[in-house]
């Protein structure tokens, strides 16, 4: 009788089990893994360490980290633009105070993310 390998063992967490042909993870599983990887990335672990902890290739973590860096650059640029806009609004005497307050709230929300 031939031994059958189902692609997992009993100790493996359910989130890591694959449902697709070829052993690829489902979209839900990928999103969960990506979220876990981002948490580890924010803790300044190397791509290799993240990959080893989550059972993902270093190449995949590298691709994801490029996305995260790009998003961080966009967020930083947006924040700088909003601060410049706030400065311009505060100099302009015709700007309603409520607009300035609203912009300050938006900036605070982005900074606390």
N, C-alpha and C. Protein backbone atom coordinates (compact mmCIF):
# COMPACT_ATOMS: atom_id res chain seq x y z
N UNK A 1 0.84 -1.18 0.00
CA UNK A 1 0.00 0.00 0.00
C UNK A 1 0.88 1.24 0.00
N UNK A 2 0.51 2.21 -0.80
CA UNK A 2 1.29 3.42 -0.96
C UNK A 2 0.96 4.44 0.14
N UNK A 3 2.01 5.08 0.71
CA UNK A 3 1.79 6.14 1.68
C UNK A 3 1.28 7.38 0.98
N UNK A 4 0.30 8.04 1.58
CA UNK A 4 -0.28 9.24 0.99
C UNK A 4 0.17 10.45 1.79
N UNK A 5 0.67 11.45 1.10
CA UNK A 5 1.07 12.70 1.75
C UNK A 5 0.02 13.76 1.42
N UNK A 6 -0.67 14.22 2.44
CA UNK A 6 -1.71 15.22 2.23
C UNK A 6 -1.16 16.65 2.27
N UNK A 7 0.12 16.83 2.43
CA UNK A 7 0.73 18.15 2.39
C UNK A 7 0.74 18.87 3.72
N UNK A 8 0.41 18.18 4.80
CA UNK A 8 0.44 18.81 6.11
C UNK A 8 0.58 17.74 7.18
N UNK A 9 0.89 18.19 8.38
CA UNK A 9 0.88 17.25 9.50
C UNK A 9 -0.07 17.78 10.57
N UNK A 10 -0.40 16.97 11.54
CA UNK A 10 -1.40 17.34 12.54
C UNK A 10 -0.97 18.55 13.38
N UNK A 11 0.32 18.78 13.52
CA UNK A 11 0.81 19.88 14.35
C UNK A 11 0.77 21.22 13.62
N UNK A 12 0.55 21.18 12.33
CA UNK A 12 0.56 22.41 11.53
C UNK A 12 -0.71 23.22 11.76
N UNK A 13 -0.58 24.55 11.99
CA UNK A 13 -1.77 25.39 12.20
C UNK A 13 -2.69 25.37 10.98
N UNK A 14 -3.99 25.46 11.23
CA UNK A 14 -4.97 25.40 10.16
C UNK A 14 -4.76 26.51 9.13
N UNK A 15 -4.32 27.71 9.57
CA UNK A 15 -4.14 28.83 8.63
C UNK A 15 -3.12 28.51 7.54
N UNK A 16 -2.22 27.57 7.81
CA UNK A 16 -1.17 27.29 6.84
C UNK A 16 -1.55 26.20 5.84
N UNK A 17 -2.68 25.56 6.06
CA UNK A 17 -3.10 24.50 5.14
C UNK A 17 -3.53 25.10 3.81
N UNK A 18 -3.23 24.40 2.75
CA UNK A 18 -3.58 24.91 1.43
C UNK A 18 -4.81 24.22 0.89
N UNK A 19 -5.59 24.97 0.14
CA UNK A 19 -6.80 24.43 -0.46
C UNK A 19 -6.72 24.46 -1.98
N UNK A 20 -5.68 25.04 -2.52
CA UNK A 20 -5.57 25.18 -3.96
C UNK A 20 -4.68 24.10 -4.54
N UNK A 21 -4.85 23.88 -5.84
CA UNK A 21 -3.99 22.97 -6.58
C UNK A 21 -2.55 23.46 -6.51
N UNK A 22 -1.63 22.57 -6.45
CA UNK A 22 -0.23 22.94 -6.47
C UNK A 22 0.30 23.37 -5.12
N UNK A 23 -0.52 23.29 -4.07
CA UNK A 23 -0.06 23.62 -2.73
C UNK A 23 0.01 25.10 -2.43
N UNK A 24 -0.54 25.93 -3.30
CA UNK A 24 -0.51 27.37 -3.04
C UNK A 24 -1.56 27.73 -2.00
N UNK A 25 -1.24 28.73 -1.15
CA UNK A 25 -2.21 29.14 -0.14
C UNK A 25 -3.38 29.90 -0.76
N UNK A 26 -4.50 29.89 -0.05
CA UNK A 26 -5.66 30.66 -0.50
C UNK A 26 -5.39 32.14 -0.26
N UNK A 27 -6.25 32.99 -0.79
CA UNK A 27 -6.10 34.43 -0.60
C UNK A 27 -6.17 34.78 0.89
N UNK A 28 -7.10 34.16 1.60
CA UNK A 28 -7.24 34.42 3.04
C UNK A 28 -5.96 34.06 3.79
N UNK A 29 -5.39 32.91 3.45
CA UNK A 29 -4.16 32.47 4.10
C UNK A 29 -3.01 33.43 3.79
N UNK A 30 -2.95 33.89 2.55
CA UNK A 30 -1.90 34.83 2.15
C UNK A 30 -2.04 36.14 2.92
N UNK A 31 -3.25 36.63 3.05
CA UNK A 31 -3.49 37.88 3.78
C UNK A 31 -3.08 37.74 5.24
N UNK A 32 -3.41 36.61 5.86
CA UNK A 32 -3.01 36.36 7.25
C UNK A 32 -1.50 36.32 7.39
N UNK A 33 -0.84 35.60 6.48
CA UNK A 33 0.62 35.49 6.53
C UNK A 33 1.27 36.86 6.30
N UNK A 34 0.70 37.62 5.38
CA UNK A 34 1.26 38.93 5.08
C UNK A 34 1.14 39.86 6.29
N UNK A 35 0.02 39.78 6.99
CA UNK A 35 -0.17 40.60 8.20
C UNK A 35 0.82 40.21 9.29
N UNK A 36 1.03 38.90 9.46
CA UNK A 36 2.00 38.43 10.45
C UNK A 36 3.41 38.88 10.07
N UNK A 37 3.71 38.79 8.78
CA UNK A 37 5.04 39.19 8.30
C UNK A 37 5.26 40.69 8.51
N UNK A 38 4.23 41.49 8.29
CA UNK A 38 4.35 42.94 8.49
C UNK A 38 4.63 43.26 9.95
N UNK A 39 3.97 42.56 10.88
CA UNK A 39 4.24 42.76 12.30
C UNK A 39 5.70 42.48 12.62
N UNK A 40 6.23 41.38 12.09
CA UNK A 40 7.62 41.03 12.32
C UNK A 40 8.56 42.03 11.65
N UNK A 41 8.17 42.52 10.48
CA UNK A 41 8.96 43.51 9.74
C UNK A 41 9.08 44.79 10.56
N UNK A 42 7.99 45.18 11.20
CA UNK A 42 7.99 46.39 12.03
C UNK A 42 8.85 46.21 13.28
N UNK A 43 9.11 44.95 13.65
CA UNK A 43 9.97 44.65 14.79
C UNK A 43 11.44 44.58 14.37
N UNK A 44 11.72 44.96 13.12
CA UNK A 44 13.07 45.01 12.57
C UNK A 44 13.75 43.64 12.43
N UNK A 45 12.96 42.59 12.20
CA UNK A 45 13.54 41.30 11.89
C UNK A 45 13.99 41.30 10.44
N UNK A 46 14.99 40.50 10.13
CA UNK A 46 15.46 40.43 8.74
C UNK A 46 14.46 39.62 7.92
N UNK A 47 14.58 39.76 6.60
CA UNK A 47 13.70 39.00 5.71
C UNK A 47 13.89 37.50 5.92
N UNK A 48 15.11 37.10 6.15
CA UNK A 48 15.40 35.68 6.37
C UNK A 48 14.73 35.19 7.65
N UNK A 49 14.82 35.98 8.73
CA UNK A 49 14.21 35.60 10.01
C UNK A 49 12.69 35.51 9.88
N UNK A 50 12.10 36.48 9.19
CA UNK A 50 10.65 36.47 8.99
C UNK A 50 10.24 35.23 8.21
N UNK A 51 10.95 34.96 7.14
CA UNK A 51 10.66 33.79 6.32
C UNK A 51 10.75 32.49 7.10
N UNK A 52 11.78 32.37 7.93
CA UNK A 52 11.96 31.16 8.73
C UNK A 52 10.84 31.00 9.75
N UNK A 53 10.44 32.09 10.38
CA UNK A 53 9.38 32.03 11.39
C UNK A 53 8.03 31.64 10.79
N UNK A 54 7.76 32.11 9.57
CA UNK A 54 6.45 31.90 8.97
C UNK A 54 6.43 30.81 7.91
N UNK A 55 7.58 30.26 7.58
CA UNK A 55 7.63 29.21 6.56
C UNK A 55 7.39 29.75 5.16
N UNK A 56 7.89 30.96 4.91
CA UNK A 56 7.73 31.63 3.62
C UNK A 56 9.13 31.90 3.08
N UNK A 57 9.29 31.89 1.77
CA UNK A 57 10.62 32.11 1.21
C UNK A 57 11.06 33.55 1.44
N UNK A 58 12.36 33.71 1.51
CA UNK A 58 12.95 35.03 1.69
C UNK A 58 12.61 35.93 0.50
N UNK A 59 12.50 35.35 -0.69
CA UNK A 59 12.16 36.09 -1.89
C UNK A 59 10.76 36.70 -1.78
N UNK A 60 9.81 35.94 -1.26
CA UNK A 60 8.45 36.44 -1.08
C UNK A 60 8.43 37.58 -0.07
N UNK A 61 9.14 37.41 1.04
CA UNK A 61 9.21 38.47 2.05
C UNK A 61 9.84 39.72 1.43
N UNK A 62 10.83 39.55 0.57
CA UNK A 62 11.45 40.67 -0.12
C UNK A 62 10.46 41.44 -0.99
N UNK A 63 9.62 40.71 -1.70
CA UNK A 63 8.59 41.36 -2.53
C UNK A 63 7.61 42.14 -1.67
N UNK A 64 7.19 41.52 -0.57
CA UNK A 64 6.24 42.18 0.32
C UNK A 64 6.86 43.42 0.95
N UNK A 65 8.13 43.33 1.34
CA UNK A 65 8.77 44.48 2.00
C UNK A 65 8.90 45.66 1.05
N UNK A 66 9.06 45.40 -0.25
CA UNK A 66 9.07 46.49 -1.23
C UNK A 66 7.74 47.22 -1.22
N UNK A 67 6.64 46.46 -1.16
CA UNK A 67 5.31 47.05 -1.09
C UNK A 67 5.16 47.91 0.16
N UNK A 68 5.65 47.39 1.30
CA UNK A 68 5.51 48.12 2.56
C UNK A 68 6.33 49.40 2.54
N UNK A 69 7.53 49.34 1.98
CA UNK A 69 8.38 50.53 1.89
C UNK A 69 7.74 51.59 0.99
N UNK A 70 7.16 51.13 -0.11
CA UNK A 70 6.49 52.04 -1.04
C UNK A 70 5.31 52.72 -0.36
N UNK A 71 4.52 51.97 0.37
CA UNK A 71 3.37 52.52 1.09
C UNK A 71 3.82 53.52 2.14
N UNK A 72 4.93 53.22 2.81
CA UNK A 72 5.47 54.11 3.83
C UNK A 72 5.94 55.42 3.21
N UNK A 73 6.55 55.36 2.04
CA UNK A 73 7.01 56.55 1.33
C UNK A 73 5.83 57.43 0.94
N UNK A 74 4.77 56.80 0.44
CA UNK A 74 3.58 57.55 0.04
C UNK A 74 2.96 58.23 1.26
N UNK A 75 2.88 57.51 2.37
CA UNK A 75 2.30 58.06 3.60
C UNK A 75 3.13 59.24 4.11
N UNK A 76 4.45 59.11 4.09
CA UNK A 76 5.33 60.18 4.54
C UNK A 76 5.18 61.42 3.66
N UNK A 77 5.11 61.22 2.34
CA UNK A 77 4.94 62.32 1.40
C UNK A 77 3.59 63.01 1.61
N UNK A 78 2.55 62.23 1.80
CA UNK A 78 1.21 62.78 2.03
C UNK A 78 1.20 63.61 3.31
N UNK A 79 1.81 63.11 4.35
CA UNK A 79 1.87 63.82 5.62
C UNK A 79 2.61 65.15 5.47
N UNK A 80 3.71 65.13 4.75
CA UNK A 80 4.48 66.36 4.53
C UNK A 80 3.66 67.38 3.74
N UNK A 81 2.94 66.90 2.73
CA UNK A 81 2.09 67.79 1.94
C UNK A 81 0.98 68.41 2.78
N UNK A 82 0.38 67.60 3.65
CA UNK A 82 -0.67 68.12 4.53
C UNK A 82 -0.14 69.16 5.50
N UNK A 83 1.05 68.94 6.02
CA UNK A 83 1.66 69.92 6.93
C UNK A 83 1.97 71.23 6.21
N UNK A 84 2.44 71.12 4.97
CA UNK A 84 2.67 72.33 4.18
C UNK A 84 1.37 73.07 3.93
N UNK A 85 0.31 72.32 3.64
CA UNK A 85 -1.01 72.92 3.41
C UNK A 85 -1.50 73.60 4.68
N UNK A 86 -1.28 72.98 5.83
CA UNK A 86 -1.67 73.56 7.12
C UNK A 86 -0.94 74.88 7.36
N UNK A 87 0.33 74.91 7.04
CA UNK A 87 1.11 76.14 7.21
C UNK A 87 0.55 77.24 6.32
N UNK A 88 0.26 76.92 5.08
CA UNK A 88 -0.31 77.90 4.15
C UNK A 88 -1.67 78.39 4.63
N UNK A 89 -2.49 77.48 5.14
CA UNK A 89 -3.82 77.85 5.64
C UNK A 89 -3.72 78.75 6.86
N UNK A 90 -2.74 78.48 7.72
CA UNK A 90 -2.61 79.29 8.94
C UNK A 90 -2.11 80.70 8.64
N UNK A 91 -1.39 80.85 7.55
CA UNK A 91 -0.92 82.18 7.14
C UNK A 91 -2.04 82.98 6.48
N UNK A 92 -2.89 82.27 5.74
CA UNK A 92 -4.00 82.92 5.03
C UNK A 92 -5.08 83.32 6.03
N UNK A 93 -5.33 84.61 6.17
CA UNK A 93 -6.29 85.13 7.16
C UNK A 93 -7.74 84.81 6.79
N UNK A 94 -8.01 84.42 5.55
CA UNK A 94 -9.38 84.14 5.13
C UNK A 94 -9.79 82.68 5.35
N UNK A 95 -8.84 81.84 5.78
CA UNK A 95 -9.14 80.43 5.99
C UNK A 95 -10.01 80.26 7.24
N UNK A 96 -11.16 79.60 7.10
CA UNK A 96 -12.01 79.36 8.27
C UNK A 96 -11.28 78.50 9.31
N UNK A 97 -11.43 78.82 10.56
CA UNK A 97 -10.75 78.12 11.65
C UNK A 97 -11.14 76.63 11.69
N UNK A 98 -12.39 76.33 11.31
CA UNK A 98 -12.85 74.94 11.31
C UNK A 98 -12.06 74.10 10.30
N UNK A 99 -11.68 74.69 9.17
CA UNK A 99 -10.87 73.97 8.17
C UNK A 99 -9.48 73.64 8.73
N UNK A 100 -8.92 74.58 9.46
CA UNK A 100 -7.60 74.37 10.08
C UNK A 100 -7.70 73.26 11.13
N UNK A 101 -8.74 73.30 11.95
CA UNK A 101 -8.93 72.27 12.98
C UNK A 101 -9.09 70.89 12.35
N UNK A 102 -9.88 70.81 11.28
CA UNK A 102 -10.10 69.53 10.61
C UNK A 102 -8.80 68.97 10.03
N UNK A 103 -8.00 69.83 9.44
CA UNK A 103 -6.73 69.40 8.88
C UNK A 103 -5.78 68.93 9.98
N UNK A 104 -5.79 69.61 11.10
CA UNK A 104 -4.96 69.19 12.24
C UNK A 104 -5.37 67.79 12.70
N UNK A 105 -6.68 67.53 12.76
CA UNK A 105 -7.17 66.21 13.17
C UNK A 105 -6.71 65.11 12.22
N UNK A 106 -6.75 65.40 10.92
CA UNK A 106 -6.32 64.43 9.92
C UNK A 106 -4.84 64.13 10.08
N UNK A 107 -4.05 65.17 10.28
CA UNK A 107 -2.60 64.99 10.45
C UNK A 107 -2.31 64.16 11.71
N UNK A 108 -3.03 64.45 12.79
CA UNK A 108 -2.84 63.69 14.03
C UNK A 108 -3.18 62.22 13.86
N UNK A 109 -4.25 61.95 13.12
CA UNK A 109 -4.63 60.57 12.87
C UNK A 109 -3.57 59.83 12.06
N UNK A 110 -3.02 60.48 11.06
CA UNK A 110 -1.97 59.85 10.25
C UNK A 110 -0.69 59.62 11.06
N UNK A 111 -0.38 60.55 11.94
CA UNK A 111 0.85 60.42 12.74
C UNK A 111 0.74 59.32 13.80
N UNK A 112 -0.46 59.03 14.26
CA UNK A 112 -0.61 58.01 15.29
C UNK A 112 -0.79 56.61 14.72
N UNK A 113 -0.87 56.49 13.39
CA UNK A 113 -1.02 55.18 12.74
C UNK A 113 0.14 54.29 13.02
